Protein backbone atom coordinates (compact mmCIF):
# COMPACT_ATOMS: atom_id res chain seq x y z
CA MET A 1 108.41 115.80 76.87
CA LYS A 2 105.17 115.74 78.88
CA ILE A 3 105.52 115.91 82.51
CA ARG A 4 102.70 114.42 84.60
CA GLY A 5 102.39 113.01 88.30
CA GLY A 6 100.84 113.25 91.66
CA ARG A 7 101.68 114.39 95.07
CA ASP A 8 104.37 111.74 95.50
CA TYR A 9 105.54 110.76 92.10
CA ILE A 10 106.10 112.07 88.60
CA LYS A 11 106.34 110.47 85.22
CA PHE A 12 108.26 111.79 82.31
CA ASP A 13 106.90 111.00 78.88
CA LEU A 14 109.72 111.45 76.21
CA GLU A 15 108.66 112.16 72.69
CA ASN A 16 110.25 108.79 71.60
CA GLY A 17 107.48 107.02 73.50
CA TYR A 18 109.45 106.11 76.51
CA ILE A 19 108.26 106.80 80.08
CA VAL A 20 110.11 106.77 83.45
CA LYS A 21 108.52 107.27 86.91
CA ALA A 22 110.21 108.75 89.85
CA GLU A 23 109.19 109.26 93.34
CA GLY A 24 109.18 112.40 95.09
CA GLU A 25 107.08 115.01 97.02
CA MET A 26 105.29 118.33 96.19
CA LEU A 27 106.68 121.31 98.60
CA ILE A 28 104.74 124.21 99.39
CA GLY A 29 105.54 127.39 96.74
CA GLY A 30 105.07 125.07 93.61
CA LYS A 31 108.11 123.08 93.90
CA PHE A 32 108.32 119.32 93.38
CA VAL A 33 111.49 117.34 94.51
CA VAL A 34 112.50 114.54 92.43
CA TYR A 35 114.43 111.62 93.87
CA LYS A 36 116.80 110.67 91.32
CA ASN A 37 117.74 107.16 92.84
CA THR A 38 114.07 106.12 92.19
CA MET A 39 114.41 106.44 88.47
CA LYS A 40 115.31 102.78 87.67
CA ALA A 41 113.73 101.70 84.59
CA TRP A 42 111.50 102.44 81.64
CA GLU A 43 107.90 101.92 81.98
CA PRO A 44 106.08 99.04 79.76
CA PRO A 45 106.69 98.36 77.10
CA HIS A 46 110.15 99.31 77.47
CA GLU A 47 110.94 97.93 80.69
CA ASN A 48 113.41 95.27 79.53
CA GLU A 49 115.59 97.82 77.90
CA GLU A 50 118.73 99.51 79.24
CA PHE A 51 118.10 102.46 81.60
CA CYS A 52 121.39 104.18 82.98
CA GLU A 53 122.79 107.40 84.25
CA LYS A 54 123.01 108.96 80.95
CA ASP A 55 119.17 108.48 80.58
CA ILE A 56 118.81 110.46 83.85
CA GLU A 57 121.20 113.16 82.91
CA GLY A 58 119.20 113.66 79.40
CA ILE A 59 115.80 113.69 81.27
CA ILE A 60 117.31 116.31 83.66
CA ALA A 61 118.72 118.37 80.93
CA GLU A 62 115.52 118.33 79.09
CA VAL A 63 113.53 119.44 82.04
CA GLN A 64 115.76 122.34 82.65
CA ARG A 65 115.51 123.44 79.05
CA ILE A 66 111.66 123.61 78.92
CA THR A 67 111.01 124.70 82.57
CA THR A 68 109.87 128.28 82.85
CA LYS A 69 109.06 130.65 85.86
CA ASP A 70 105.37 129.72 85.26
CA THR A 71 105.66 126.04 85.61
CA VAL A 72 106.06 123.79 88.74
CA GLN A 73 109.89 123.86 89.38
CA LEU A 74 111.45 120.46 89.60
CA VAL A 75 114.38 120.03 91.85
CA PHE A 76 116.46 116.86 91.41
CA GLU A 77 118.05 115.27 94.56
């Protein structure tokens, strides 16, 4: 998974080619708050495919697995 973004959004690029965008905000101290309720659909060309709570849970689990103390800490709310 690749994680990229800006001050007010983040994109999760899954290894299978699917991408989902979430809104959020960068906090002082290297933390980024991700608003789970803004994760609603896959990015094109997969925008018409089903996106559900199970997908969100899988993304969060993968982020937690790959996050280290040396990376930006993502907090899901």
